[in-house]
Amino acid sequence: MQKTLAPGAIGVKGLSLAQTIDLAAASGFDSVVFDIREAERIADADGLDSLRDLFARAKIRPGYWGLPVAWRNDEKAPVELQELPRRAKLAADLGCLRATTGVPPFSDDRPYDDNFAWTADHLRPAARILADAGCRVGIEFIGPKTFRTNARYEFIYNLPQTMQLAAAVGTGNVGLLLDAWHLYTSGGTIADIDTVTAADVVAVHVNDAPAGIPVDEQIDNVRRLPLETGVIDLVGFMHALQRLGYDGPVMPEPFLQRLDELGAKDPLAAARKVGASMDRLWEAVGLS
């Protein structure tokens, strides 16, 4: 598995791809989350070899990239879908076959079944293009009950529902962005992970939860560093991934105010702090 850095998740904003790679290398990470559109601009300006060299010189891998298609927007999606084949090929040329997207856990317009069909239909064109390039896409479900309490219609918010959606898309390359926080807040368990395969898990996020707060009262953007409180069984979570044979990106996403404040002032200090928490997690599960 790869310790994977996304600077925005630790309060570090505005870095270029080169700066992100350097920060990852200086703080003990193996790979980075990146914007395929920025990678495309670099390849267009300087060539594919120059883009590859950014990663190779720092011994950092491209971990995964966010799907650059606003598939819920009927005006933007057609244009972005036209650009996706080239971007997916570039990702494949980099050896990075993992893309991710998310699905809101509610709708104010469509009941569950209608929204399920609508979502599958809207994801399918992008998923087909990715499949043609050999890429997979992982869907992140959003678990906290507080995120959907006031919505008119509840929608997908747990692992089994997300896998049903992946099957409904029907392209064979749709799976999970599996976040330990969302598994915990959705009411899921480690046993849920045992129902999928390594091929189903495209990317992973790890984090902990504040202590003393009932699971249904947890707030999505208030989390903790991996292993900080022990509320989330991250060791069991990681052992389940090991049983699957998962070997992909594992990204810390603590959403922690004090870390965000540190990241804004001292990016390297913030990255090293999070890197140290990942080192402890790696040691706890025997990956060191």
Protein backbone atom coordinates (compact mmCIF):
# COMPACT_ATOMS: atom_id res chain seq x y z
CA MET A 1 0.00 0.00 0.00
CA GLN A 2 1.04 3.58 -0.64
CA LYS A 3 1.06 6.42 1.86
CA THR A 4 -0.57 9.09 -0.28
CA LEU A 5 -0.59 12.85 0.21
CA ALA A 6 -3.29 15.32 -0.81
CA PRO A 7 -2.11 18.73 0.47
CA GLY A 8 -5.61 20.22 0.48
CA ALA A 9 -6.73 17.61 3.01
CA ILE A 10 -4.22 18.96 5.56
CA GLY A 11 -4.77 22.68 5.04
CA VAL A 12 -2.05 23.24 2.43
CA LYS A 13 -3.46 25.20 -0.48
CA GLY A 14 -2.26 26.42 -3.84
CA LEU A 15 0.64 24.08 -4.52
CA SER A 16 1.64 23.14 -8.04
CA LEU A 17 2.09 19.49 -8.95
CA ALA A 18 5.86 19.85 -8.66
CA GLN A 19 5.54 21.43 -5.21
CA THR A 20 3.12 18.72 -4.11
CA ILE A 21 5.53 16.02 -5.20
CA ASP A 22 8.41 17.70 -3.37
CA LEU A 23 6.31 18.06 -0.22
CA ALA A 24 5.38 14.37 -0.33
CA ALA A 25 9.01 13.36 -0.75
CA ALA A 26 10.09 15.55 2.17
CA SER A 27 7.48 14.15 4.54
CA GLY A 28 7.68 10.41 3.98
CA PHE A 29 4.85 9.76 1.53
CA ASP A 30 4.94 7.37 -1.41
CA SER A 31 2.46 8.96 -3.81
CA VAL A 32 0.22 11.98 -4.37
CA VAL A 33 -3.30 12.81 -5.41
CA PHE A 34 -3.14 15.06 -8.45
CA ASP A 35 -5.23 17.02 -10.95
CA ILE A 36 -5.11 15.28 -14.33
CA ARG A 37 -5.86 18.64 -16.00
CA GLU A 38 -2.70 20.15 -14.53
CA ALA A 39 -0.76 17.06 -15.59
CA GLU A 40 -2.17 17.52 -19.09
CA ARG A 41 -0.97 21.14 -19.21
CA ILE A 42 2.53 20.08 -18.19
CA ALA A 43 2.63 17.30 -20.77
CA ASP A 44 1.37 19.66 -23.47
CA ALA A 45 3.95 22.33 -22.60
CA ASP A 46 7.00 20.22 -21.80
CA GLY A 47 6.28 16.70 -23.02
CA LEU A 48 5.23 13.46 -21.39
CA ASP A 49 8.79 12.61 -20.37
CA SER A 50 9.07 15.86 -18.41
CA LEU A 51 5.84 15.02 -16.60
CA ARG A 52 7.11 11.54 -15.77
CA ASP A 53 10.39 13.02 -14.56
CA LEU A 54 8.58 15.18 -11.99
CA PHE A 55 7.53 11.98 -10.24
CA ALA A 56 10.62 9.89 -10.97
CA ARG A 57 13.20 12.36 -9.71
CA ALA A 58 11.48 12.51 -6.31
CA LYS A 59 10.69 8.76 -6.23
CA ILE A 60 7.01 9.63 -5.76
CA ARG A 61 4.23 7.84 -7.61
CA PRO A 62 1.02 9.26 -9.06
CA GLY A 63 -1.57 7.84 -6.67
CA TYR A 64 -4.96 8.75 -8.10
CA TRP A 65 -6.79 11.64 -9.74
CA GLY A 66 -10.24 13.14 -9.41
CA LEU A 67 -12.61 12.43 -12.28
CA PRO A 68 -12.58 15.72 -14.29
CA VAL A 69 -16.21 15.45 -15.34
CA ALA A 70 -19.09 17.26 -13.64
CA TRP A 71 -21.33 14.31 -14.43
CA ARG A 72 -24.26 15.75 -12.45
CA ASN A 73 -24.26 18.89 -14.60
CA ASP A 74 -26.00 18.38 -17.95
CA GLU A 75 -24.41 21.52 -19.39
CA LYS A 76 -20.78 20.89 -18.42
CA ALA A 77 -20.63 17.11 -18.71
CA PRO A 78 -20.83 16.81 -22.53
CA VAL A 79 -17.84 19.13 -23.02
CA GLU A 80 -15.79 17.47 -20.31
CA LEU A 81 -16.61 14.00 -21.64
CA GLN A 82 -15.11 15.01 -24.98
CA GLU A 83 -11.85 15.83 -23.20
CA LEU A 84 -11.83 12.72 -21.02
CA PRO A 85 -10.41 10.15 -23.51
CA ARG A 86 -7.20 12.16 -23.92
CA ARG A 87 -6.87 12.70 -20.18
CA ALA A 88 -7.55 9.06 -19.40
CA LYS A 89 -4.88 8.03 -21.93
CA LEU A 90 -2.42 10.42 -20.29
CA ALA A 91 -3.16 8.87 -16.90
CA ALA A 92 -2.62 5.42 -18.37
CA ASP A 93 0.68 6.60 -19.88
CA LEU A 94 1.68 7.68 -16.36
CA GLY A 95 0.72 4.26 -15.06
CA CYS A 96 -2.03 5.75 -12.88
CA LEU A 97 -5.26 3.90 -13.62
CA ARG A 98 -7.25 5.10 -10.59
CA ALA A 99 -9.80 7.95 -10.72
CA THR A 100 -12.38 8.91 -8.10
CA THR A 101 -15.66 10.75 -7.72
CA GLY A 102 -18.36 11.15 -5.08
CA VAL A 103 -22.12 10.73 -4.78
CA PRO A 104 -24.22 12.99 -2.54
CA PRO A 105 -26.20 11.05 0.11
CA PHE A 106 -29.43 12.90 -0.58
CA SER A 107 -31.54 14.63 -3.22
CA ASP A 108 -34.10 17.37 -2.94
CA ASP A 109 -35.51 16.48 -6.37
CA ARG A 110 -35.61 12.71 -6.87
CA PRO A 111 -36.76 9.80 -4.66
CA TYR A 112 -34.22 7.04 -4.08
CA ASP A 113 -35.10 4.72 -6.98
CA ASP A 114 -35.38 7.56 -9.50
CA ASN A 115 -32.11 9.03 -8.29
CA PHE A 116 -30.41 5.64 -8.44
CA ALA A 117 -31.31 5.20 -12.11
CA TRP A 118 -30.43 8.83 -12.91
CA THR A 119 -27.04 8.55 -11.19
CA ALA A 120 -26.13 5.28 -12.91
CA ASP A 121 -27.09 6.74 -16.28
CA HIS A 122 -25.04 9.88 -15.69
CA LEU A 123 -21.95 8.02 -14.45
CA ARG A 124 -21.96 5.48 -17.27
CA PRO A 125 -20.54 7.62 -20.12
CA ALA A 126 -17.46 8.62 -18.12
CA ALA A 127 -17.00 5.09 -16.81
CA ARG A 128 -17.06 3.71 -20.36
CA ILE A 129 -14.37 6.13 -21.47
CA LEU A 130 -12.21 5.21 -18.49
CA ALA A 131 -12.72 1.51 -19.20
CA ASP A 132 -11.50 2.01 -22.77
CA ALA A 133 -8.25 3.45 -21.35
CA GLY A 134 -7.89 0.67 -18.76
CA CYS A 135 -8.79 2.98 -15.87
CA ARG A 136 -11.08 2.39 -12.91
CA VAL A 137 -13.24 4.87 -11.02
CA GLY A 138 -13.98 4.69 -7.30
CA ILE A 139 -17.15 6.21 -5.85
CA GLU A 140 -16.98 7.76 -2.41
CA PHE A 141 -20.14 7.44 -0.34
CA ILE A 142 -20.82 10.05 2.36
CA GLY A 143 -21.71 8.39 5.66
CA PRO A 144 -22.65 10.90 8.39
CA LYS A 145 -26.33 11.02 9.30
CA THR A 146 -25.94 14.75 10.02
CA PHE A 147 -25.12 15.29 6.34
CA ARG A 148 -28.52 14.11 5.13
CA THR A 149 -30.88 14.77 8.04
CA ASN A 150 -32.66 17.77 6.53
CA ALA A 151 -32.79 16.53 2.94
CA ARG A 152 -36.06 15.67 1.25
CA TYR A 153 -34.92 12.29 -0.09
CA GLU A 154 -32.19 10.09 1.34
CA PHE A 155 -29.76 8.51 -1.11
CA ILE A 156 -26.72 6.21 -1.14
CA TYR A 157 -24.63 6.54 2.01
CA ASN A 158 -23.04 3.14 2.70
CA LEU A 159 -20.84 0.49 1.15
CA PRO A 160 -23.48 -2.05 0.03
CA GLN A 161 -25.54 0.65 -1.70
CA THR A 162 -22.45 1.98 -3.46
CA MET A 163 -21.56 -1.45 -4.76
CA GLN A 164 -25.12 -1.82 -6.06
CA LEU A 165 -24.66 1.44 -7.93
CA ALA A 166 -21.32 0.27 -9.34
CA ALA A 167 -23.00 -2.86 -10.66
CA ALA A 168 -25.84 -0.80 -12.16
CA VAL A 169 -23.39 1.38 -14.09
CA GLY A 170 -22.43 -1.89 -15.72
CA THR A 171 -19.04 -1.06 -17.21
CA GLY A 172 -17.03 -3.40 -14.99
CA ASN A 173 -14.56 -0.77 -13.82
CA VAL A 174 -16.54 1.05 -11.11
CA GLY A 175 -15.79 0.47 -7.45
CA LEU A 176 -15.13 2.28 -4.18
CA LEU A 177 -13.19 5.15 -2.78
CA LEU A 178 -13.32 3.59 0.67
CA ASP A 179 -13.05 6.11 3.52
CA ALA A 180 -12.73 4.78 7.07
CA TRP A 181 -14.69 7.80 8.36
CA HIS A 182 -17.61 7.22 6.02
CA LEU A 183 -17.65 3.49 6.73
CA TYR A 184 -17.82 4.24 10.47
CA THR A 185 -20.41 7.04 10.28
CA SER A 186 -22.63 5.06 7.89
CA GLY A 187 -22.99 2.33 10.50
CA GLY A 188 -20.78 0.01 8.48
CA THR A 189 -18.34 -2.51 9.93
CA ILE A 190 -15.08 -4.20 9.02
CA ALA A 191 -17.17 -7.14 7.84
CA ASP A 192 -18.47 -4.95 4.99
CA ILE A 193 -14.95 -4.78 3.57
CA ASP A 194 -14.82 -8.56 3.45
CA THR A 195 -17.72 -8.51 0.94
CA VAL A 196 -15.67 -6.80 -1.78
CA THR A 197 -12.44 -7.56 -3.64
CA ALA A 198 -9.20 -5.67 -4.10
CA ALA A 199 -10.35 -4.80 -7.62
CA ASP A 200 -13.41 -3.08 -6.13
CA VAL A 201 -11.30 -0.73 -3.99
CA VAL A 202 -9.84 2.04 -6.15
CA ALA A 203 -8.54 4.30 -3.36
CA VAL A 204 -8.66 4.54 0.44
CA HIS A 205 -8.91 7.41 2.97
CA VAL A 206 -7.97 7.04 6.64
CA ASN A 207 -8.79 9.24 9.61
CA ASP A 208 -10.11 9.02 13.16
CA ALA A 209 -13.17 10.52 14.84
CA PRO A 210 -13.57 12.80 17.88
CA ALA A 211 -14.15 10.89 21.11
CA GLY A 212 -17.32 11.21 23.17
CA ILE A 213 -19.68 11.97 20.26
CA PRO A 214 -22.37 9.44 19.27
CA VAL A 215 -21.86 8.15 15.76
CA ASP A 216 -25.09 9.70 14.46
CA GLU A 217 -23.98 13.11 15.75
CA GLN A 218 -20.55 13.15 14.11
CA ILE A 219 -19.97 16.12 11.79
CA ASP A 220 -18.34 15.40 8.46
CA ASN A 221 -15.64 18.09 8.52
CA VAL A 222 -14.59 17.52 12.16
CA ARG A 223 -12.29 14.52 12.29
CA ARG A 224 -8.97 13.46 13.81
CA LEU A 225 -5.59 12.19 12.66
CA PRO A 226 -5.25 8.45 12.05
CA LEU A 227 -4.99 6.57 15.38
CA GLU A 228 -5.43 9.79 17.40
CA THR A 229 -8.48 8.69 19.40
CA GLY A 230 -9.10 5.04 18.54
CA VAL A 231 -12.80 5.70 17.92
CA ILE A 232 -12.42 4.23 14.44
CA ASP A 233 -10.82 0.79 14.31
CA LEU A 234 -8.18 1.70 11.76
CA VAL A 235 -6.01 -1.30 12.53
CA GLY A 236 -8.93 -3.63 11.80
CA PHE A 237 -9.80 -1.55 8.74
CA MET A 238 -6.28 -1.86 7.37
CA HIS A 239 -6.04 -5.56 8.19
CA ALA A 240 -9.22 -6.10 6.17
CA LEU A 241 -7.61 -4.33 3.21
CA GLN A 242 -4.55 -6.52 3.63
CA ARG A 243 -6.75 -9.62 3.52
CA LEU A 244 -8.12 -8.42 0.20
CA GLY A 245 -4.64 -7.90 -1.18
CA TYR A 246 -5.24 -4.19 -1.70
CA ASP A 247 -2.01 -2.44 -2.68
CA GLY A 248 -3.14 1.04 -3.72
CA PRO A 249 -3.21 4.58 -2.33
CA VAL A 250 -4.08 5.24 1.32
CA MET A 251 -4.62 8.95 1.93
CA PRO A 252 -5.02 10.65 5.33
CA GLU A 253 -7.99 13.03 5.43
CA PRO A 254 -8.22 14.34 9.00
CA PHE A 255 -10.19 17.59 8.46
CA LEU A 256 -8.69 18.99 11.64
CA GLN A 257 -8.71 22.73 12.34
CA ARG A 258 -5.40 22.87 14.17
CA LEU A 259 -3.75 20.97 11.34
CA ASP A 260 -5.30 23.23 8.72
CA GLU A 261 -3.95 26.25 10.61
CA LEU A 262 -0.50 24.69 10.72
CA GLY A 263 -0.69 23.78 7.03
CA ALA A 264 -1.49 27.37 6.10
CA LYS A 265 1.61 28.60 7.96
CA ASP A 266 4.08 25.75 7.56
CA PRO A 267 3.19 23.16 4.90
CA LEU A 268 6.19 20.95 5.64
CA ALA A 269 5.45 20.81 9.36
CA ALA A 270 1.83 19.84 8.66
CA ALA A 271 2.83 17.19 6.13
CA ARG A 272 5.40 15.72 8.50
CA LYS A 273 2.88 15.63 11.34
CA VAL A 274 0.43 13.70 9.20
CA GLY A 275 3.25 11.57 7.81
CA ALA A 276 4.19 10.58 11.35
CA SER A 277 0.61 9.46 12.03
CA MET A 278 0.73 7.36 8.88
CA ASP A 279 4.05 5.85 9.97
CA ARG A 280 2.41 4.82 13.25
CA LEU A 281 -0.48 3.26 11.36
CA TRP A 282 1.91 1.41 9.06
CA GLU A 283 3.80 0.08 12.08
CA ALA A 284 0.58 -0.96 13.85
CA VAL A 285 -0.50 -3.12 10.91
CA GLY A 286 2.94 -4.48 10.04
CA LEU A 287 3.56 -2.51 6.87
CA SER A 288 6.76 -0.79 8.04
